[in-house]
Amino acid sequence: MNMHAQQMFSVLSICSYLLVFSFLAHPSTSALQSFVYAGCSQLKYNPGTPYESNVNSILASLVNSAAFSNYNNFNISFPGTDVVYGLFQCRGDLSNSDCHDCVTYAVSQIGTLCGGASGGVLQLDGCFVKYEKTSFLGDEDKTVVFKRCGPPIGFDSDVLTQRDALLAYLTGGGQYFRIGGSGNAQGIAQCVQDLNTSECQDCLLEAITLLKSECQSSTWGDMFLAKCYVRLSERVHTPKSGKQFHLRH
């Protein structure tokens, strides 16, 4: 990981702490807008400078593009100013409307959270946004940026077999987004689409290896790398609504 990336993610835990309390005070009306992680660059820019205009332009471009697609990237620079690079990506099963709503909300949050920062990243349940002063587009980055595990259940061969079969399925399609279920487990895997399919596969395999190592006998867990993620959840049975899938937090 380069020095600039280290500077961005050195404040990751602090940003997560602050934003979690913000969300508790003002609960989101949509599960898609639930906070996962965030980070802001320690490098700052001065208000009223051309770089601020470039940041505002890149964030506006992300919102506008999200009305028509679930992924896009941009770079913006006026003559004589520093380039700003940015991208957004929505979960692969979202409609254009839901994607646009998620990215709009994410941009409003990152603008507040990372105000004055030369770069920032925000991952919500439904979408991901990032902007930076140095190009990260097309770079395969397997840095772990966020992870969590459910409580261990002890050794249960049936449960672990179902989990491992699901994890194998999630990387077996050569796709940027895949969702599936096995027994009482559901999983989602996704890569940022600036990677090629080979890099995506490599990133997901790394995420799954780490998830199995870190979470071991847990029935749910998340492993987010800089350019891909894998999430496992439990199937929750409710008497009134039948069988539903919920990502556990």
Protein backbone atom coordinates (compact mmCIF):
# COMPACT_ATOMS: atom_id res chain seq x y z
CA MET A 1 0.00 0.00 0.00
CA ASN A 2 1.48 3.37 -0.99
CA MET A 3 2.02 6.23 1.46
CA HIS A 4 -1.00 8.17 0.24
CA ALA A 5 -3.26 5.19 0.85
CA GLN A 6 -1.79 4.81 4.32
CA GLN A 7 -2.59 8.46 5.02
CA MET A 8 -6.18 7.97 3.94
CA PHE A 9 -6.86 4.84 5.96
CA SER A 10 -4.92 5.88 9.04
CA VAL A 11 -8.07 7.71 10.15
CA LEU A 12 -10.43 4.92 9.16
CA SER A 13 -11.34 3.78 12.67
CA ILE A 14 -11.89 7.35 13.85
CA CYS A 15 -14.16 8.11 10.92
CA SER A 16 -16.07 4.88 11.51
CA TYR A 17 -16.55 5.77 15.17
CA LEU A 18 -17.86 9.26 14.42
CA LEU A 19 -20.16 8.22 11.62
CA VAL A 20 -21.65 5.29 13.51
CA PHE A 21 -22.78 7.68 16.23
CA SER A 22 -24.16 10.03 13.58
CA PHE A 23 -26.23 7.22 12.13
CA LEU A 24 -27.48 6.21 15.57
CA ALA A 25 -28.64 9.75 16.18
CA HIS A 26 -30.27 10.04 12.75
CA PRO A 27 -31.27 6.53 11.59
CA SER A 28 -31.32 5.90 7.86
CA THR A 29 -34.68 5.28 6.26
CA SER A 30 -33.19 2.67 3.95
CA ALA A 31 -31.07 -0.38 4.71
CA LEU A 32 -29.14 0.39 1.52
CA GLN A 33 -27.82 3.53 3.18
CA SER A 34 -26.52 1.72 6.29
CA PHE A 35 -22.92 2.65 7.06
CA VAL A 36 -20.13 0.09 6.64
CA TYR A 37 -16.85 2.06 6.70
CA ALA A 38 -15.29 5.37 5.72
CA GLY A 39 -11.90 7.03 5.46
CA CYS A 40 -10.58 10.53 4.74
CA SER A 41 -7.18 11.69 3.54
CA GLN A 42 -5.08 13.63 6.03
CA LEU A 43 -4.04 15.92 3.17
CA LYS A 44 -6.22 19.02 3.06
CA TYR A 45 -7.02 21.66 0.47
CA ASN A 46 -7.86 25.32 1.09
CA PRO A 47 -11.47 26.48 0.64
CA GLY A 48 -12.12 28.45 -2.51
CA THR A 49 -9.24 26.90 -4.44
CA PRO A 50 -9.54 25.30 -7.89
CA TYR A 51 -9.04 21.89 -6.27
CA GLU A 52 -12.24 22.37 -4.27
CA SER A 53 -14.09 23.08 -7.52
CA ASN A 54 -12.67 19.89 -8.99
CA VAL A 55 -13.81 17.86 -5.96
CA ASN A 56 -17.30 19.34 -6.17
CA SER A 57 -17.41 18.59 -9.90
CA ILE A 58 -16.32 14.97 -9.46
CA LEU A 59 -18.89 14.34 -6.73
CA ALA A 60 -21.64 15.90 -8.84
CA SER A 61 -20.60 13.70 -11.78
CA LEU A 62 -20.89 10.58 -9.61
CA VAL A 63 -24.43 11.49 -8.59
CA ASN A 64 -25.53 12.34 -12.13
CA SER A 65 -24.09 9.16 -13.62
CA ALA A 66 -25.68 6.95 -10.95
CA ALA A 67 -29.09 7.70 -12.42
CA PHE A 68 -28.14 5.67 -15.51
CA SER A 69 -25.64 3.00 -14.43
CA ASN A 70 -24.41 1.15 -11.37
CA TYR A 71 -20.74 2.00 -11.96
CA ASN A 72 -18.67 4.77 -13.49
CA ASN A 73 -15.37 6.58 -12.97
CA PHE A 74 -14.17 10.07 -13.81
CA ASN A 75 -11.19 12.36 -13.66
CA ILE A 76 -11.62 16.11 -13.67
CA SER A 77 -9.09 18.91 -13.93
CA PHE A 78 -9.31 22.49 -15.08
CA PRO A 79 -6.17 23.85 -16.79
CA GLY A 80 -3.34 24.37 -14.34
CA THR A 81 -5.02 22.52 -11.44
CA ASP A 82 -4.54 19.10 -9.84
CA VAL A 83 -6.55 16.22 -11.25
CA VAL A 84 -9.22 14.63 -9.06
CA TYR A 85 -10.12 10.97 -9.68
CA GLY A 86 -13.38 9.45 -8.55
CA LEU A 87 -15.71 6.50 -8.93
CA PHE A 88 -18.94 5.08 -7.63
CA GLN A 89 -20.34 1.58 -7.66
CA CYS A 90 -23.69 0.22 -6.50
CA ARG A 91 -24.53 -3.29 -5.46
CA GLY A 92 -25.10 -5.30 -8.60
CA ASP A 93 -28.77 -6.06 -7.96
CA LEU A 94 -29.92 -2.47 -7.41
CA SER A 95 -32.24 -0.62 -9.77
CA ASN A 96 -31.08 2.68 -11.29
CA SER A 97 -33.42 4.52 -8.96
CA ASP A 98 -32.10 2.82 -5.82
CA CYS A 99 -28.52 3.25 -7.03
CA HIS A 100 -29.03 6.96 -7.64
CA ASP A 101 -30.63 7.43 -4.21
CA CYS A 102 -27.77 5.58 -2.50
CA VAL A 103 -25.01 7.47 -4.29
CA THR A 104 -26.75 10.80 -3.67
CA TYR A 105 -26.86 10.04 0.03
CA ALA A 106 -23.27 8.74 0.07
CA VAL A 107 -21.96 11.90 -1.62
CA SER A 108 -23.81 14.10 0.87
CA GLN A 109 -22.25 12.13 3.75
CA ILE A 110 -18.71 12.05 2.39
CA GLY A 111 -18.91 15.76 1.68
CA THR A 112 -19.66 16.35 5.36
CA LEU A 113 -17.37 13.70 6.79
CA CYS A 114 -14.34 14.50 4.62
CA GLY A 115 -14.88 18.24 4.16
CA GLY A 116 -11.59 19.83 3.12
CA ALA A 117 -9.87 16.46 2.60
CA SER A 118 -8.11 15.83 -0.70
CA GLY A 119 -9.54 12.30 -0.80
CA GLY A 120 -12.25 10.22 0.78
CA VAL A 121 -14.00 6.86 0.61
CA LEU A 122 -17.39 5.74 1.91
CA GLN A 123 -18.94 2.28 1.76
CA LEU A 124 -22.65 1.90 2.46
CA ASP A 125 -24.61 -1.35 2.24
CA GLY A 126 -25.85 -0.41 -1.21
CA CYS A 127 -23.08 1.65 -2.76
CA PHE A 128 -19.46 2.80 -2.66
CA VAL A 129 -17.95 6.19 -3.52
CA LYS A 130 -14.33 7.32 -3.61
CA TYR A 131 -12.34 10.32 -4.79
CA GLU A 132 -8.59 10.92 -4.65
CA LYS A 133 -5.83 13.29 -5.72
CA THR A 134 -3.73 10.45 -7.14
CA SER A 135 -5.06 7.88 -9.57
CA PHE A 136 -6.25 4.59 -8.14
CA LEU A 137 -8.28 3.56 -11.18
CA GLY A 138 -7.33 0.13 -12.50
CA ASP A 139 -5.03 -0.64 -9.58
CA GLU A 140 -5.52 -4.04 -7.96
CA ASP A 141 -5.49 -3.28 -4.24
CA LYS A 142 -6.09 -6.12 -1.77
CA THR A 143 -5.55 -4.06 1.38
CA VAL A 144 -8.01 -5.03 4.12
CA VAL A 145 -10.05 -1.92 4.91
CA PHE A 146 -12.81 -3.42 7.06
CA LYS A 147 -13.73 -6.78 8.56
CA ARG A 148 -16.14 -8.19 11.11
CA CYS A 149 -17.24 -11.64 12.21
CA GLY A 150 -20.25 -13.11 13.91
CA PRO A 151 -19.88 -15.11 17.13
CA PRO A 152 -18.31 -18.56 16.74
CA ILE A 153 -20.77 -21.46 16.86
CA GLY A 154 -18.27 -24.21 17.48
CA PHE A 155 -17.59 -27.00 15.02
CA ASP A 156 -20.67 -27.94 13.00
CA SER A 157 -19.69 -29.85 9.87
CA ASP A 158 -23.02 -29.28 8.08
CA VAL A 159 -22.97 -25.52 8.64
CA LEU A 160 -19.33 -25.16 7.66
CA THR A 161 -19.84 -27.31 4.57
CA GLN A 162 -22.74 -25.10 3.48
CA ARG A 163 -20.67 -21.99 4.10
CA ASP A 164 -17.65 -23.25 2.15
CA ALA A 165 -19.85 -24.37 -0.75
CA LEU A 166 -21.39 -20.91 -0.87
CA LEU A 167 -17.99 -19.21 -0.82
CA ALA A 168 -16.82 -21.42 -3.67
CA TYR A 169 -19.93 -20.50 -5.66
CA LEU A 170 -19.38 -16.78 -5.15
CA THR A 171 -16.03 -16.92 -6.96
CA GLY A 172 -16.99 -19.50 -9.55
CA GLY A 173 -18.75 -17.33 -12.09
CA GLY A 174 -16.04 -14.96 -13.27
CA GLN A 175 -18.42 -12.05 -12.61
CA TYR A 176 -18.11 -8.67 -10.90
CA PHE A 177 -21.20 -9.35 -8.77
CA ARG A 178 -22.66 -12.60 -7.52
CA ILE A 179 -25.22 -13.48 -4.89
CA GLY A 180 -26.32 -16.91 -3.70
CA GLY A 181 -27.47 -19.09 -0.84
CA SER A 182 -26.70 -22.49 0.61
CA GLY A 183 -28.72 -23.91 3.48
CA ASN A 184 -29.12 -21.17 6.06
CA ALA A 185 -26.36 -19.01 4.58
CA GLN A 186 -26.51 -16.24 2.02
CA GLY A 187 -23.56 -14.47 0.45
CA ILE A 188 -22.66 -11.53 -1.75
CA ALA A 189 -19.39 -10.97 -3.59
CA GLN A 190 -18.49 -7.91 -5.64
CA CYS A 191 -15.47 -6.30 -7.25
CA VAL A 192 -14.98 -2.69 -8.25
CA GLN A 193 -15.37 -2.70 -12.01
CA ASP A 194 -12.14 -0.88 -12.80
CA LEU A 195 -10.47 -4.29 -12.31
CA ASN A 196 -10.33 -6.82 -15.13
CA THR A 197 -11.97 -10.20 -14.57
CA SER A 198 -8.70 -11.92 -13.67
CA GLU A 199 -7.86 -9.26 -11.07
CA CYS A 200 -11.40 -9.49 -9.72
CA GLN A 201 -11.10 -13.24 -9.29
CA ASP A 202 -7.77 -12.84 -7.55
CA CYS A 203 -9.17 -10.20 -5.19
CA LEU A 204 -12.22 -12.28 -4.28
CA LEU A 205 -10.13 -15.37 -3.60
CA GLU A 206 -7.99 -13.32 -1.24
CA ALA A 207 -11.08 -11.94 0.51
CA ILE A 208 -12.56 -15.43 0.95
CA THR A 209 -9.28 -16.85 2.26
CA LEU A 210 -9.10 -14.06 4.83
CA LEU A 211 -12.76 -14.38 5.76
CA LYS A 212 -12.43 -18.10 6.42
CA SER A 213 -9.25 -17.53 8.41
CA GLU A 214 -10.56 -14.62 10.47
CA CYS A 215 -14.14 -15.77 11.01
CA GLN A 216 -13.49 -19.53 11.11
CA SER A 217 -16.65 -21.08 12.62
CA SER A 218 -18.81 -17.94 12.49
CA THR A 219 -22.02 -18.16 10.48
CA TRP A 220 -21.76 -14.60 9.22
CA GLY A 221 -19.02 -12.08 8.49
CA ASP A 222 -17.76 -9.36 6.17
CA MET A 223 -14.37 -8.97 4.51
CA PHE A 224 -13.86 -5.73 2.59
CA LEU A 225 -10.66 -5.25 0.63
CA ALA A 226 -9.94 -1.98 -1.16
CA LYS A 227 -11.24 -3.29 -4.50
CA CYS A 228 -13.63 -6.14 -3.59
CA TYR A 229 -15.67 -7.62 -0.79
CA VAL A 230 -17.35 -10.83 0.36
CA ARG A 231 -20.24 -10.83 2.84
CA LEU A 232 -21.93 -13.78 4.54
CA SER A 233 -25.26 -13.55 6.33
CA GLU A 234 -27.69 -15.85 8.09
CA ARG A 235 -31.16 -16.68 6.86
CA VAL A 236 -33.60 -15.42 9.48
CA HIS A 237 -36.99 -17.10 9.86
CA THR A 238 -39.88 -14.85 10.90
CA PRO A 239 -43.39 -16.26 11.56
CA LYS A 240 -45.30 -13.46 9.83
CA SER A 241 -43.25 -12.89 6.73
CA GLY A 242 -41.79 -16.35 6.11
CA LYS A 243 -38.15 -16.72 5.15
CA GLN A 244 -36.09 -13.59 4.76
CA PHE A 245 -32.43 -12.83 4.26
CA HIS A 246 -30.79 -10.24 6.47
CA LEU A 247 -27.21 -9.08 6.53
CA ARG A 248 -26.21 -9.29 10.17
CA HIS A 249 -24.39 -6.31 11.73
